Amino acid sequence: MVRGSWLSTLFFISFSLLAGDTPPLQLEGKLTQGSLIRGQSSPGVQVWLNGQPLPVTEDGQFVMGFGRDATLEHTLTLHYADGRKQDFPLELAKREYKIQRIEGIARRIMEPDPKDVARAQEDARQTRAAREHFDTRTDWQQAFIWPLTGPITGVYGSQRFYNGEPRNPHFGIDVAAPTGTPVVAPADGVITLAVPDMFYSGGTLIIDHGYGVSSTFIHLHKLLVEPGAVVKQGEVVAEVGATGRVTGPHLDWRLNWHQERLDPALLVGPMPAK
């Protein structure tokens, strides 16, 4: 399995039928809710997750993700060219999530009028379409990096209360930084969405890393790339802002596998010291 650049913090799992056999399946990632898992099987083998086929590269690599509240038991099935099938049970660890209370959200954001509701619905449609786009890029195989460094002020999965009212969980990781701070691409990819003024998320940028894996940056002050642009890991793509539903400047980084919302922190490991 060619994964020399992957982080050592990710654990490695091999499945084998008999001692000494070549492992038919290798996985890297944390088997827990919110995790992106990258895998390797033999070339020509089809891989199914819970009865649904996964796209597999010519050399047998694939990727999958499990959302915040994913069920804990899953099955990977290998379909061999000779007709054989082999099941591999997966059991995810259950996570406990924090509660976060945020005050000072503008009334217009908390109680949007019908025009704003329609706008937010169109924003959601565009975002969903961008995340569902399938590209055969294999940038998801890279070791991802933090798009910027700074204090972490919000974590994935936390139940949020805005102005004392319970709302949807937080599906990203928030990094505080002054407005205008450069934001870089965590991995190579292509820009599939760049909108400067979405109702809730403000300046919004989506980078497609291939095979359904994408990064979303929101609340941006300035977007420096256009849809269709190919970006490299570490390239500056935007600036931190305080647009949309926020109380101060920060970057909200979100990771998706198709519509499954994942935890970026599980992919990159601890925040590096400045």
C-alpha atoms as a PDB file:
ATOM      1  CA  MET A   1       0.000   0.000   0.000  1.00  0.00           C
ATOM      2  CA  VAL A   2       1.654   3.222  -1.132  1.00  0.00           C
ATOM      3  CA  ARG A   3       0.931   5.591   1.711  1.00  0.00           C
ATOM      4  CA  GLY A   4       4.351   6.785   2.853  1.00  0.00           C
ATOM      5  CA  SER A   5       3.102  10.350   3.230  1.00  0.00           C
ATOM      6  CA  TRP A   6       0.151   9.535   5.476  1.00  0.00           C
ATOM      7  CA  LEU A   7       0.342  10.695   9.076  1.00  0.00           C
ATOM      8  CA  SER A   8       1.710   8.283  11.642  1.00  0.00           C
ATOM      9  CA  THR A   9      -1.168   9.233  13.952  1.00  0.00           C
ATOM     10  CA  LEU A  10      -3.530   7.230  11.743  1.00  0.00           C
ATOM     11  CA  PHE A  11      -3.663   3.572  12.644  1.00  0.00           C
ATOM     12  CA  PHE A  12      -3.323   0.719  10.194  1.00  0.00           C
ATOM     13  CA  ILE A  13      -5.467  -2.396   9.891  1.00  0.00           C
ATOM     14  CA  SER A  14      -4.706  -5.487   7.804  1.00  0.00           C
ATOM     15  CA  PHE A  15      -7.098  -8.361   7.238  1.00  0.00           C
ATOM     16  CA  SER A  16      -5.717 -11.748   6.206  1.00  0.00           C
ATOM     17  CA  LEU A  17      -7.241 -15.183   5.789  1.00  0.00           C
ATOM     18  CA  LEU A  18      -4.208 -17.222   6.854  1.00  0.00           C
ATOM     19  CA  ALA A  19      -0.878 -16.440   8.501  1.00  0.00           C
ATOM     20  CA  GLY A  20       1.579 -15.482   5.790  1.00  0.00           C
ATOM     21  CA  ASP A  21      -1.094 -14.593   3.216  1.00  0.00           C
ATOM     22  CA  THR A  22      -0.932 -11.267   1.440  1.00  0.00           C
ATOM     23  CA  PRO A  23      -3.564  -9.098   3.198  1.00  0.00           C
ATOM     24  CA  PRO A  24      -6.556  -8.743   0.859  1.00  0.00           C
ATOM     25  CA  LEU A  25      -7.619  -5.511   2.571  1.00  0.00           C
ATOM     26  CA  GLN A  26      -5.729  -2.722   4.313  1.00  0.00           C
ATOM     27  CA  LEU A  27      -7.307   0.342   5.922  1.00  0.00           C
ATOM     28  CA  GLU A  28      -5.861   3.556   7.315  1.00  0.00           C
ATOM     29  CA  GLY A  29      -7.818   5.937   9.506  1.00  0.00           C
ATOM     30  CA  LYS A  30      -9.564   6.003  12.845  1.00  0.00           C
ATOM     31  CA  LEU A  31     -12.505   3.619  13.046  1.00  0.00           C
ATOM     32  CA  THR A  32     -14.817   6.078  14.744  1.00  0.00           C
ATOM     33  CA  GLN A  33     -17.775   8.302  13.929  1.00  0.00           C
ATOM     34  CA  GLY A  34     -16.763  11.283  11.798  1.00  0.00           C
ATOM     35  CA  SER A  35     -13.732   9.608  10.237  1.00  0.00           C
ATOM     36  CA  LEU A  36     -12.369   9.393   6.702  1.00  0.00           C
ATOM     37  CA  ILE A  37     -10.963   5.930   5.969  1.00  0.00           C
ATOM     38  CA  ARG A  38      -8.592   5.232   3.076  1.00  0.00           C
ATOM     39  CA  GLY A  39      -8.133   1.672   1.881  1.00  0.00           C
ATOM     40  CA  GLN A  40      -6.236  -0.672  -0.397  1.00  0.00           C
ATOM     41  CA  SER A  41      -7.269  -3.940  -1.944  1.00  0.00           C
ATOM     42  CA  SER A  42      -5.835  -5.887  -4.849  1.00  0.00           C
ATOM     43  CA  PRO A  43      -6.168  -4.480  -8.382  1.00  0.00           C
ATOM     44  CA  GLY A  44      -9.319  -5.689 -10.095  1.00  0.00           C
ATOM     45  CA  VAL A  45     -11.208  -6.375  -6.860  1.00  0.00           C
ATOM     46  CA  GLN A  46     -14.529  -4.584  -6.374  1.00  0.00           C
ATOM     47  CA  VAL A  47     -15.192  -3.104  -2.929  1.00  0.00           C
ATOM     48  CA  TRP A  48     -18.690  -2.675  -1.488  1.00  0.00           C
ATOM     49  CA  LEU A  49     -19.692  -0.867   1.696  1.00  0.00           C
ATOM     50  CA  ASN A  50     -22.944  -2.000   3.311  1.00  0.00           C
ATOM     51  CA  GLY A  51     -24.164  -3.410   0.020  1.00  0.00           C
ATOM     52  CA  GLN A  52     -23.193  -0.403  -2.118  1.00  0.00           C
ATOM     53  CA  PRO A  53     -20.219  -0.346  -4.524  1.00  0.00           C
ATOM     54  CA  LEU A  54     -17.321   2.034  -3.892  1.00  0.00           C
ATOM     55  CA  PRO A  55     -15.255   3.563  -6.702  1.00  0.00           C
ATOM     56  CA  VAL A  56     -11.826   1.927  -6.735  1.00  0.00           C
ATOM     57  CA  THR A  57      -8.670   3.096  -8.540  1.00  0.00           C
ATOM     58  CA  GLU A  58      -6.888   0.837 -11.014  1.00  0.00           C
ATOM     59  CA  ASP A  59      -4.372  -0.125  -8.342  1.00  0.00           C
ATOM     60  CA  GLY A  60      -7.084  -0.984  -5.794  1.00  0.00           C
ATOM     61  CA  GLN A  61      -7.277   2.158  -3.640  1.00  0.00           C
ATOM     62  CA  PHE A  62     -10.560   3.528  -2.289  1.00  0.00           C
ATOM     63  CA  VAL A  63     -11.943   5.959   0.274  1.00  0.00           C
ATOM     64  CA  MET A  64     -15.044   6.146   2.469  1.00  0.00           C
ATOM     65  CA  GLY A  65     -16.362   8.201   5.358  1.00  0.00           C
ATOM     66  CA  PHE A  66     -18.663   7.831   8.359  1.00  0.00           C
ATOM     67  CA  GLY A  67     -20.737  10.762   9.626  1.00  0.00           C
ATOM     68  CA  ARG A  68     -21.172  12.232  13.097  1.00  0.00           C
ATOM     69  CA  ASP A  69     -23.970   9.865  14.124  1.00  0.00           C
ATOM     70  CA  ALA A  70     -23.116   6.896  11.903  1.00  0.00           C
ATOM     71  CA  THR A  71     -24.252   3.494  13.115  1.00  0.00           C
ATOM     72  CA  LEU A  72     -21.402   1.546  14.669  1.00  0.00           C
ATOM     73  CA  GLU A  73     -21.512  -1.695  12.684  1.00  0.00           C
ATOM     74  CA  HIS A  74     -20.647  -1.847   8.973  1.00  0.00           C
ATOM     75  CA  THR A  75     -19.524  -4.420   6.419  1.00  0.00           C
ATOM     76  CA  LEU A  76     -16.948  -4.148   3.658  1.00  0.00           C
ATOM     77  CA  THR A  77     -17.295  -6.820   0.979  1.00  0.00           C
ATOM     78  CA  LEU A  78     -14.647  -7.718  -1.581  1.00  0.00           C
ATOM     79  CA  HIS A  79     -15.947  -9.068  -4.904  1.00  0.00           C
ATOM     80  CA  TYR A  80     -13.242 -11.063  -6.690  1.00  0.00           C
ATOM     81  CA  ALA A  81     -13.029 -11.631 -10.441  1.00  0.00           C
ATOM     82  CA  ASP A  82     -13.619 -15.374  -9.985  1.00  0.00           C
ATOM     83  CA  GLY A  83     -16.987 -14.702  -8.326  1.00  0.00           C
ATOM     84  CA  ARG A  84     -15.910 -15.122  -4.710  1.00  0.00           C
ATOM     85  CA  LYS A  85     -17.059 -12.655  -2.057  1.00  0.00           C
ATOM     86  CA  GLN A  86     -15.369 -11.921   1.247  1.00  0.00           C
ATOM     87  CA  ASP A  87     -16.945  -9.903   4.090  1.00  0.00           C
ATOM     88  CA  PHE A  88     -15.005  -7.810   6.603  1.00  0.00           C
ATOM     89  CA  PRO A  89     -16.992  -6.471   9.569  1.00  0.00           C
ATOM     90  CA  LEU A  90     -16.091  -2.990  10.789  1.00  0.00           C
ATOM     91  CA  GLU A  91     -17.051  -1.614  14.191  1.00  0.00           C
ATOM     92  CA  LEU A  92     -16.796   2.120  14.811  1.00  0.00           C
ATOM     93  CA  ALA A  93     -16.064   3.680  18.186  1.00  0.00           C
ATOM     94  CA  LYS A  94     -18.878   5.863  19.484  1.00  0.00           C
ATOM     95  CA  ARG A  95     -17.950   9.491  20.181  1.00  0.00           C
ATOM     96  CA  GLU A  96     -19.127  11.936  22.807  1.00  0.00           C
ATOM     97  CA  TYR A  97     -19.583  15.529  21.620  1.00  0.00           C
ATOM     98  CA  LYS A  98     -19.214  18.837  23.404  1.00  0.00           C
ATOM     99  CA  ILE A  99     -21.907  21.453  23.968  1.00  0.00           C
ATOM    100  CA  GLN A 100     -21.047  24.966  22.779  1.00  0.00           C
ATOM    101  CA  ARG A 101     -23.017  28.119  23.557  1.00  0.00           C
ATOM    102  CA  ILE A 102     -22.648  31.138  21.281  1.00  0.00           C
ATOM    103  CA  GLU A 103     -24.198  34.516  22.009  1.00  0.00           C
ATOM    104  CA  GLY A 104     -24.452  37.704  19.961  1.00  0.00           C
ATOM    105  CA  ILE A 105     -25.838  36.265  16.713  1.00  0.00           C
ATOM    106  CA  ALA A 106     -27.768  38.913  14.733  1.00  0.00           C
ATOM    107  CA  ARG A 107     -31.580  38.689  14.866  1.00  0.00           C
ATOM    108  CA  ARG A 108     -31.772  38.579  11.053  1.00  0.00           C
ATOM    109  CA  ILE A 109     -29.671  35.420  11.061  1.00  0.00           C
ATOM    110  CA  MET A 110     -31.659  33.860  13.917  1.00  0.00           C
ATOM    111  CA  GLU A 111     -35.070  34.796  12.469  1.00  0.00           C
ATOM    112  CA  PRO A 112     -34.639  35.102   8.683  1.00  0.00           C
ATOM    113  CA  ASP A 113     -37.458  36.541   6.584  1.00  0.00           C
ATOM    114  CA  PRO A 114     -38.912  34.546   3.643  1.00  0.00           C
ATOM    115  CA  LYS A 115     -36.494  36.147   1.181  1.00  0.00           C
ATOM    116  CA  ASP A 116     -33.519  35.127   3.310  1.00  0.00           C
ATOM    117  CA  VAL A 117     -34.933  31.615   3.742  1.00  0.00           C
ATOM    118  CA  ALA A 118     -35.185  31.238  -0.051  1.00  0.00           C
ATOM    119  CA  ARG A 119     -31.634  32.504  -0.410  1.00  0.00           C
ATOM    120  CA  ALA A 120     -30.354  30.062   2.209  1.00  0.00           C
ATOM    121  CA  GLN A 121     -32.136  27.191   0.466  1.00  0.00           C
ATOM    122  CA  GLU A 122     -30.465  28.095  -2.852  1.00  0.00           C
ATOM    123  CA  ASP A 123     -27.105  28.296  -1.059  1.00  0.00           C
ATOM    124  CA  ALA A 124     -27.681  24.803   0.328  1.00  0.00           C
ATOM    125  CA  ARG A 125     -28.586  23.483  -3.136  1.00  0.00           C
ATOM    126  CA  GLN A 126     -25.364  24.857  -4.634  1.00  0.00           C
ATOM    127  CA  THR A 127     -23.260  23.479  -1.808  1.00  0.00           C
ATOM    128  CA  ARG A 128     -24.859  20.051  -1.999  1.00  0.00           C
ATOM    129  CA  ALA A 129     -24.342  19.892  -5.775  1.00  0.00           C
ATOM    130  CA  ALA A 130     -20.669  20.834  -5.434  1.00  0.00           C
ATOM    131  CA  ARG A 131     -20.091  18.171  -2.792  1.00  0.00           C
ATOM    132  CA  GLU A 132     -21.861  15.507  -4.820  1.00  0.00           C
ATOM    133  CA  HIS A 133     -19.713  16.166  -7.899  1.00  0.00           C
ATOM    134  CA  PHE A 134     -17.560  13.126  -8.662  1.00  0.00           C
ATOM    135  CA  ASP A 135     -14.031  13.631  -9.947  1.00  0.00           C
ATOM    136  CA  THR A 136     -11.496  10.872 -10.567  1.00  0.00           C
ATOM    137  CA  ARG A 137      -8.722  12.968  -9.020  1.00  0.00           C
ATOM    138  CA  THR A 138      -6.804  11.068  -6.352  1.00  0.00           C
ATOM    139  CA  ASP A 139      -5.656  14.062  -4.302  1.00  0.00           C
ATOM    140  CA  TRP A 140      -7.397  12.500  -1.275  1.00  0.00           C
ATOM    141  CA  GLN A 141      -4.404  10.139  -1.061  1.00  0.00           C
ATOM    142  CA  GLN A 142      -2.162  12.987   0.138  1.00  0.00           C
ATOM    143  CA  ALA A 143      -1.311  13.677   3.761  1.00  0.00           C
ATOM    144  CA  PHE A 144      -3.571  16.671   4.457  1.00  0.00           C
ATOM    145  CA  ILE A 145      -2.210  19.776   6.199  1.00  0.00           C
ATOM    146  CA  TRP A 146      -3.913  22.426   8.314  1.00  0.00           C
ATOM    147  CA  PRO A 147      -5.164  25.303   6.119  1.00  0.00           C
ATOM    148  CA  LEU A 148      -3.903  27.746   8.776  1.00  0.00           C
ATOM    149  CA  THR A 149      -2.675  27.612  12.359  1.00  0.00           C
ATOM    150  CA  GLY A 150      -4.225  29.293  15.367  1.00  0.00           C
ATOM    151  CA  PRO A 151      -6.430  28.719  18.416  1.00  0.00           C
ATOM    152  CA  ILE A 152      -9.163  26.144  17.903  1.00  0.00           C
ATOM    153  CA  THR A 153     -12.417  27.774  19.010  1.00  0.00           C
ATOM    154  CA  GLY A 154     -14.930  25.223  17.758  1.00  0.00           C
ATOM    155  CA  VAL A 155     -14.765  21.465  17.245  1.00  0.00           C
ATOM    156  CA  TYR A 156     -16.563  18.974  15.055  1.00  0.00           C
ATOM    157  CA  GLY A 157     -19.785  17.455  16.292  1.00  0.00           C
ATOM    158  CA  SER A 158     -20.487  19.879  19.125  1.00  0.00           C
ATOM    159  CA  GLN A 159     -24.140  20.614  19.857  1.00  0.00           C
ATOM    160  CA  ARG A 160     -24.549  24.367  19.462  1.00  0.00           C
ATOM    161  CA  PHE A 161     -26.853  26.818  21.177  1.00  0.00           C
ATOM    162  CA  TYR A 162     -27.136  30.193  19.423  1.00  0.00           C
ATOM    163  CA  ASN A 163     -28.417  32.980  21.671  1.00  0.00           C
ATOM    164  CA  GLY A 164     -29.605  30.236  24.011  1.00  0.00           C
ATOM    165  CA  GLU A 165     -31.539  28.314  21.323  1.00  0.00           C
ATOM    166  CA  PRO A 166     -30.529  24.752  20.321  1.00  0.00           C
ATOM    167  CA  ARG A 167     -29.510  24.446  16.669  1.00  0.00           C
ATOM    168  CA  ASN A 168     -27.839  21.870  14.420  1.00  0.00           C
ATOM    169  CA  PRO A 169     -24.488  20.390  15.496  1.00  0.00           C
ATOM    170  CA  HIS A 170     -21.296  22.009  14.272  1.00  0.00           C
ATOM    171  CA  PHE A 171     -19.809  20.046  11.390  1.00  0.00           C
ATOM    172  CA  GLY A 172     -16.428  21.742  11.056  1.00  0.00           C
ATOM    173  CA  ILE A 173     -13.432  22.849  13.031  1.00  0.00           C
ATOM    174  CA  ASP A 174     -13.020  26.564  13.788  1.00  0.00           C
ATOM    175  CA  VAL A 175      -9.604  28.201  13.835  1.00  0.00           C
ATOM    176  CA  ALA A 176      -9.471  31.799  15.070  1.00  0.00           C
ATOM    177  CA  ALA A 177      -7.329  34.290  13.131  1.00  0.00           C
ATOM    178  CA  PRO A 178      -7.507  37.982  12.200  1.00  0.00           C
ATOM    179  CA  THR A 179      -9.478  39.012   9.139  1.00  0.00           C
ATOM    180  CA  GLY A 180      -7.243  38.801   6.087  1.00  0.00           C
ATOM    181  CA  THR A 181      -5.100  35.904   7.353  1.00  0.00           C
ATOM    182  CA  PRO A 182      -4.146  33.654   4.384  1.00  0.00           C
ATOM    183  CA  VAL A 183      -5.887  30.287   4.076  1.00  0.00           C
ATOM    184  CA  VAL A 184      -4.106  27.535   2.110  1.00  0.00           C
ATOM    185  CA  ALA A 185      -5.336  24.389   0.386  1.00  0.00           C
ATOM    186  CA  PRO A 186      -4.970  21.371   2.725  1.00  0.00           C
ATOM    187  CA  ALA A 187      -4.378  19.126  -0.304  1.00  0.00           C
ATOM    188  CA  ASP A 188      -4.388  19.385  -4.081  1.00  0.00           C
ATOM    189  CA  GLY A 189      -7.758  19.736  -5.762  1.00  0.00           C
ATOM    190  CA  VAL A 190     -10.058  21.657  -8.058  1.00  0.00           C
ATOM    191  CA  ILE A 191     -12.387  24.493  -7.026  1.00  0.00           C
ATOM    192  CA  THR A 192     -16.038  23.500  -7.474  1.00  0.00           C
ATOM    193  CA  LEU A 193     -17.713  26.393  -5.622  1.00  0.00           C
ATOM    194  CA  ALA A 194     -16.667  29.971  -4.851  1.00  0.00           C
ATOM    195  CA  VAL A 195     -19.415  32.277  -3.562  1.00  0.00           C
ATOM    196  CA  PRO A 196     -18.528  35.450  -1.611  1.00  0.00           C
ATOM    197  CA  ASP A 197     -21.815  36.039   0.220  1.00  0.00           C
ATOM    198  CA  MET A 198     -23.895  33.015   1.203  1.00  0.00           C
ATOM    199  CA  PHE A 199     -26.526  33.824   3.838  1.00  0.00           C
ATOM    200  CA  TYR A 200     -25.342  31.634   6.707  1.00  0.00           C
ATOM    201  CA  SER A 201     -21.794  30.734   5.670  1.00  0.00           C
ATOM    202  CA  GLY A 202     -20.723  34.047   4.096  1.00  0.00           C
ATOM    203  CA  GLY A 203     -17.723  33.677   1.800  1.00  0.00           C
ATOM    204  CA  THR A 204     -17.727  29.988   0.849  1.00  0.00           C
ATOM    205  CA  LEU A 205     -15.167  27.918  -1.035  1.00  0.00           C
ATOM    206  CA  ILE A 206     -15.173  24.196  -1.876  1.00  0.00           C
ATOM    207  CA  ILE A 207     -12.112  22.236  -3.014  1.00  0.00           C
ATOM    208  CA  ASP A 208     -12.770  18.830  -4.596  1.00  0.00           C
ATOM    209  CA  HIS A 209     -10.010  16.331  -3.769  1.00  0.00           C
ATOM    210  CA  GLY A 210     -11.568  13.533  -5.838  1.00  0.00           C
ATOM    211  CA  TYR A 211     -13.652  10.401  -5.209  1.00  0.00           C
ATOM    212  CA  GLY A 212     -16.250  12.398  -3.256  1.00  0.00           C
ATOM    213  CA  VAL A 213     -13.768  13.945  -0.789  1.00  0.00           C
ATOM    214  CA  SER A 214     -13.988  17.735  -0.477  1.00  0.00           C
ATOM    215  CA  SER A 215     -12.917  20.581   1.797  1.00  0.00           C
ATOM    216  CA  THR A 216     -15.240  23.506   2.495  1.00  0.00           C
ATOM    217  CA  PHE A 217     -14.051  26.845   3.885  1.00  0.00           C
ATOM    218  CA  ILE A 218     -16.662  29.290   5.156  1.00  0.00           C
ATOM    219  CA  HIS A 219     -16.969  32.788   6.673  1.00  0.00           C
ATOM    220  CA  LEU A 220     -14.203  33.978   4.324  1.00  0.00           C
ATOM    221  CA  HIS A 221     -13.302  37.630   3.854  1.00  0.00           C
ATOM    222  CA  LYS A 222     -11.922  37.194   0.339  1.00  0.00           C
ATOM    223  CA  LEU A 223     -11.862  34.352  -2.188  1.00  0.00           C
ATOM    224  CA  LEU A 224      -8.701  34.258  -4.302  1.00  0.00           C
ATOM    225  CA  VAL A 225      -9.594  31.479  -6.745  1.00  0.00           C
ATOM    226  CA  GLU A 226     -12.422  30.839  -9.203  1.00  0.00           C
ATOM    227  CA  PRO A 227     -14.471  27.700  -9.947  1.00  0.00           C
ATOM    228  CA  GLY A 228     -12.518  25.341 -12.180  1.00  0.00           C
ATOM    229  CA  ALA A 229      -9.109  26.441 -10.873  1.00  0.00           C
ATOM    230  CA  VAL A 230      -6.702  23.627 -10.009  1.00  0.00           C
ATOM    231  CA  VAL A 231      -4.893  24.305  -6.727  1.00  0.00           C
ATOM    232  CA  LYS A 232      -1.882  22.725  -5.060  1.00  0.00           C
ATOM    233  CA  GLN A 233      -1.416  21.847  -1.411  1.00  0.00           C
ATOM    234  CA  GLY A 234      -0.197  24.905   0.489  1.00  0.00           C
ATOM    235  CA  GLU A 235      -1.398  27.387  -2.140  1.00  0.00           C
ATOM    236  CA  VAL A 236      -3.170  30.461  -0.739  1.00  0.00           C
ATOM    237  CA  VAL A 237      -6.819  30.268  -1.821  1.00  0.00           C
ATOM    238  CA  ALA A 238      -8.662  32.692   0.477  1.00  0.00           C
ATOM    239  CA  GLU A 239      -8.517  35.002   3.486  1.00  0.00           C
ATOM    240  CA  VAL A 240     -10.064  34.540   6.913  1.00  0.00           C
ATOM    241  CA  GLY A 241     -13.169  36.631   7.525  1.00  0.00           C
ATOM    242  CA  ALA A 242     -16.225  37.176   9.698  1.00  0.00           C
ATOM    243  CA  THR A 243     -19.007  36.816   7.123  1.00  0.00           C
ATOM    244  CA  GLY A 244     -22.309  34.988   7.575  1.00  0.00           C
ATOM    245  CA  ARG A 245     -23.426  33.649  10.968  1.00  0.00           C
ATOM    246  CA  VAL A 246     -20.408  34.510  13.126  1.00  0.00           C
ATOM    247  CA  THR A 247     -19.408  36.640  16.102  1.00  0.00           C
ATOM    248  CA  GLY A 248     -15.776  37.153  15.070  1.00  0.00           C
ATOM    249  CA  PRO A 249     -13.185  36.314  12.404  1.00  0.00           C
ATOM    250  CA  HIS A 250     -12.210  32.672  12.051  1.00  0.00           C
ATOM    251  CA  LEU A 251     -11.967  29.869   9.508  1.00  0.00           C
ATOM    252  CA  ASP A 252     -14.545  27.084   9.621  1.00  0.00           C
ATOM    253  CA  TRP A 253     -13.043  24.096   7.767  1.00  0.00           C
ATOM    254  CA  ARG A 254     -15.365  21.255   6.848  1.00  0.00           C
ATOM    255  CA  LEU A 255     -14.543  17.887   5.327  1.00  0.00           C
ATOM    256  CA  ASN A 256     -16.989  15.792   3.338  1.00  0.00           C
ATOM    257  CA  TRP A 257     -17.177  12.416   1.682  1.00  0.00           C
ATOM    258  CA  HIS A 258     -20.099  13.104  -0.656  1.00  0.00           C
ATOM    259  CA  GLN A 259     -22.792  14.304   1.785  1.00  0.00           C
ATOM    260  CA  GLU A 260     -21.238  12.651   4.842  1.00  0.00           C
ATOM    261  CA  ARG A 261     -19.836  15.370   7.105  1.00  0.00           C
ATOM    262  CA  LEU A 262     -16.512  14.334   8.602  1.00  0.00           C
ATOM    263  CA  ASP A 263     -14.044  15.605  11.200  1.00  0.00           C
ATOM    264  CA  PRO A 264     -10.994  17.285   9.614  1.00  0.00           C
ATOM    265  CA  ALA A 265      -9.032  16.969  12.866  1.00  0.00           C
ATOM    266  CA  LEU A 266      -9.010  13.169  12.537  1.00  0.00           C
ATOM    267  CA  LEU A 267      -7.260  13.538   9.185  1.00  0.00           C
ATOM    268  CA  VAL A 268      -4.562  16.082  10.029  1.00  0.00           C
ATOM    269  CA  GLY A 269      -3.740  15.347  13.658  1.00  0.00           C
ATOM    270  CA  PRO A 270      -2.827  17.935  16.318  1.00  0.00           C
ATOM    271  CA  MET A 271      -2.479  21.608  15.430  1.00  0.00           C
ATOM    272  CA  PRO A 272       1.231  22.348  14.827  1.00  0.00           C
ATOM    273  CA  ALA A 273       2.878  24.813  17.176  1.00  0.00           C
ATOM    274  CA  LYS A 274       3.635  28.230  15.716  1.00  0.00           C
END
